[in-house]
Amino acid sequence: MSNSSYETYSGLAYIQNILSKIFTPYIIIVTLIGIAGNALTIIMLSKRSLTKNFNNCTLIAL
């Protein structure tokens, strides 16, 4: 293996190491935001003060 290809491999391994450390917290954060958003949508839909048009649009968006 030449020196330049080793440096490239080392750089890619470094990037992969960083991404693998970020991946799990990112998935957890995105999941929690999604669950919170869905819960808020359900709460908003359960309130009768909102218009029927809003309810229909929100259900389509879900």
N, C-alpha and C. Protein backbone atom coordinates (compact mmCIF):
# COMPACT_ATOMS: atom_id res chain seq x y z
N MET A 1 0.85 -1.17 0.00
CA MET A 1 0.00 0.00 0.00
C MET A 1 0.90 1.24 0.00
N SER A 2 0.66 2.14 -0.93
CA SER A 2 1.49 3.33 -1.00
C SER A 2 1.12 4.30 0.12
N ASN A 3 1.98 5.27 0.30
CA ASN A 3 1.80 6.22 1.40
C ASN A 3 0.54 7.07 1.20
N SER A 4 0.27 7.50 -0.05
CA SER A 4 -0.89 8.36 -0.29
C SER A 4 -2.20 7.60 -0.09
N SER A 5 -2.24 6.33 -0.49
CA SER A 5 -3.47 5.56 -0.28
C SER A 5 -3.67 5.26 1.20
N TYR A 6 -2.59 5.11 1.96
CA TYR A 6 -2.71 4.90 3.40
C TYR A 6 -3.27 6.15 4.07
N GLU A 7 -2.81 7.33 3.62
CA GLU A 7 -3.32 8.58 4.18
C GLU A 7 -4.80 8.74 3.87
N THR A 8 -5.21 8.36 2.66
CA THR A 8 -6.61 8.44 2.29
C THR A 8 -7.44 7.50 3.16
N TYR A 9 -6.96 6.28 3.35
CA TYR A 9 -7.67 5.32 4.20
C TYR A 9 -7.75 5.83 5.63
N SER A 10 -6.67 6.42 6.12
CA SER A 10 -6.65 6.94 7.48
C SER A 10 -7.67 8.08 7.63
N GLY A 11 -7.74 8.94 6.61
CA GLY A 11 -8.70 10.04 6.65
C GLY A 11 -10.13 9.55 6.62
N LEU A 12 -10.40 8.54 5.77
CA LEU A 12 -11.75 7.99 5.70
C LEU A 12 -12.12 7.27 6.99
N ALA A 13 -11.17 6.58 7.59
CA ALA A 13 -11.43 5.90 8.86
C ALA A 13 -11.73 6.93 9.96
N TYR A 14 -11.04 8.05 9.92
CA TYR A 14 -11.28 9.12 10.90
C TYR A 14 -12.70 9.68 10.74
N ILE A 15 -13.10 9.93 9.49
CA ILE A 15 -14.44 10.45 9.23
C ILE A 15 -15.50 9.43 9.65
N GLN A 16 -15.26 8.16 9.34
CA GLN A 16 -16.21 7.12 9.73
C GLN A 16 -16.33 7.02 11.25
N ASN A 17 -15.24 7.21 11.95
CA ASN A 17 -15.25 7.16 13.41
C ASN A 17 -16.09 8.30 13.97
N ILE A 18 -15.95 9.49 13.41
CA ILE A 18 -16.74 10.63 13.87
C ILE A 18 -18.22 10.40 13.59
N LEU A 19 -18.54 9.94 12.38
CA LEU A 19 -19.94 9.72 12.03
C LEU A 19 -20.59 8.64 12.89
N SER A 20 -19.83 7.61 13.22
CA SER A 20 -20.40 6.55 14.05
C SER A 20 -20.68 7.04 15.47
N LYS A 21 -19.92 8.01 15.94
CA LYS A 21 -20.17 8.58 17.27
C LYS A 21 -21.39 9.50 17.26
N ILE A 22 -21.65 10.16 16.14
CA ILE A 22 -22.76 11.11 16.04
C ILE A 22 -24.07 10.40 15.74
N PHE A 23 -24.03 9.25 15.07
CA PHE A 23 -25.22 8.60 14.53
C PHE A 23 -26.27 8.28 15.59
N THR A 24 -25.90 7.63 16.67
CA THR A 24 -26.88 7.21 17.68
C THR A 24 -27.56 8.40 18.37
N PRO A 25 -26.83 9.40 18.85
CA PRO A 25 -27.53 10.55 19.45
C PRO A 25 -28.44 11.28 18.45
N TYR A 26 -28.01 11.34 17.19
CA TYR A 26 -28.82 11.99 16.16
C TYR A 26 -30.16 11.27 15.99
N ILE A 27 -30.12 9.95 15.90
CA ILE A 27 -31.34 9.17 15.74
C ILE A 27 -32.25 9.35 16.95
N ILE A 28 -31.69 9.37 18.14
CA ILE A 28 -32.49 9.55 19.36
C ILE A 28 -33.15 10.92 19.37
N ILE A 29 -32.40 11.96 19.02
CA ILE A 29 -32.93 13.33 19.02
C ILE A 29 -34.05 13.46 17.99
N VAL A 30 -33.84 12.96 16.79
CA VAL A 30 -34.86 13.05 15.74
C VAL A 30 -36.12 12.28 16.14
N THR A 31 -35.94 11.12 16.75
CA THR A 31 -37.09 10.33 17.20
C THR A 31 -37.88 11.06 18.27
N LEU A 32 -37.19 11.65 19.24
CA LEU A 32 -37.88 12.37 20.31
C LEU A 32 -38.63 13.59 19.78
N ILE A 33 -38.03 14.31 18.83
CA ILE A 33 -38.71 15.46 18.23
C ILE A 33 -39.97 15.00 17.49
N GLY A 34 -39.86 13.89 16.77
CA GLY A 34 -41.02 13.37 16.05
C GLY A 34 -42.14 12.94 16.98
N ILE A 35 -41.80 12.26 18.05
CA ILE A 35 -42.82 11.82 19.02
C ILE A 35 -43.47 13.03 19.68
N ALA A 36 -42.67 14.03 20.05
CA ALA A 36 -43.23 15.23 20.68
C ALA A 36 -44.15 15.97 19.70
N GLY A 37 -43.74 16.07 18.46
CA GLY A 37 -44.57 16.73 17.45
C GLY A 37 -45.89 16.02 17.24
N ASN A 38 -45.85 14.70 17.18
CA ASN A 38 -47.09 13.94 17.02
C ASN A 38 -47.99 14.07 18.24
N ALA A 39 -47.40 14.07 19.43
CA ALA A 39 -48.20 14.23 20.64
C ALA A 39 -48.87 15.60 20.67
N LEU A 40 -48.13 16.64 20.30
CA LEU A 40 -48.72 17.98 20.27
C LEU A 40 -49.83 18.07 19.23
N THR A 41 -49.66 17.41 18.11
CA THR A 41 -50.70 17.41 17.08
C THR A 41 -51.96 16.73 17.59
N ILE A 42 -51.80 15.62 18.28
CA ILE A 42 -52.97 14.92 18.83
C ILE A 42 -53.67 15.78 19.87
N ILE A 43 -52.90 16.47 20.70
CA ILE A 43 -53.50 17.36 21.71
C ILE A 43 -54.25 18.49 21.04
N MET A 44 -53.65 19.08 20.01
CA MET A 44 -54.31 20.18 19.31
C MET A 44 -55.58 19.71 18.60
N LEU A 45 -55.55 18.50 18.05
CA LEU A 45 -56.74 17.98 17.38
C LEU A 45 -57.86 17.66 18.36
N SER A 46 -57.51 17.35 19.60
CA SER A 46 -58.54 17.00 20.58
C SER A 46 -59.27 18.22 21.11
N LYS A 47 -58.70 19.41 20.93
CA LYS A 47 -59.37 20.63 21.38
C LYS A 47 -60.45 21.01 20.37
N ARG A 48 -61.62 21.30 20.87
CA ARG A 48 -62.76 21.60 20.00
C ARG A 48 -62.74 23.05 19.49
N SER A 49 -61.86 23.88 20.03
CA SER A 49 -61.85 25.29 19.64
C SER A 49 -61.24 25.52 18.26
N LEU A 50 -60.56 24.51 17.73
CA LEU A 50 -59.94 24.67 16.42
C LEU A 50 -60.96 24.40 15.32
N THR A 51 -60.69 24.96 14.16
CA THR A 51 -61.64 24.82 13.07
C THR A 51 -61.58 23.43 12.47
N LYS A 52 -62.64 23.06 11.78
CA LYS A 52 -62.70 21.75 11.13
C LYS A 52 -61.69 21.67 10.00
N ASN A 53 -61.46 22.78 9.31
CA ASN A 53 -60.50 22.81 8.21
C ASN A 53 -59.09 22.50 8.72
N PHE A 54 -58.75 23.05 9.88
CA PHE A 54 -57.43 22.77 10.47
C PHE A 54 -57.30 21.29 10.80
N ASN A 55 -58.35 20.70 11.33
CA ASN A 55 -58.32 19.27 11.65
C ASN A 55 -58.08 18.43 10.41
N ASN A 56 -58.77 18.75 9.34
CA ASN A 56 -58.60 17.99 8.10
C ASN A 56 -57.18 18.14 7.55
N CYS A 57 -56.65 19.35 7.55
CA CYS A 57 -55.29 19.57 7.03
C CYS A 57 -54.25 18.86 7.88
N THR A 58 -54.45 18.86 9.18
CA THR A 58 -53.49 18.21 10.07
C THR A 58 -53.51 16.70 9.89
N LEU A 59 -54.68 16.13 9.74
CA LEU A 59 -54.77 14.69 9.53
C LEU A 59 -54.12 14.29 8.21
N ILE A 60 -54.28 15.11 7.18
CA ILE A 60 -53.63 14.82 5.90
C ILE A 60 -52.12 14.90 6.06
N ALA A 61 -51.63 15.86 6.83
CA ALA A 61 -50.18 16.01 7.03
C ALA A 61 -49.59 14.84 7.79
N LEU A 62 -50.35 14.26 8.71
CA LEU A 62 -49.84 13.12 9.46
C LEU A 62 -49.70 11.93 8.55
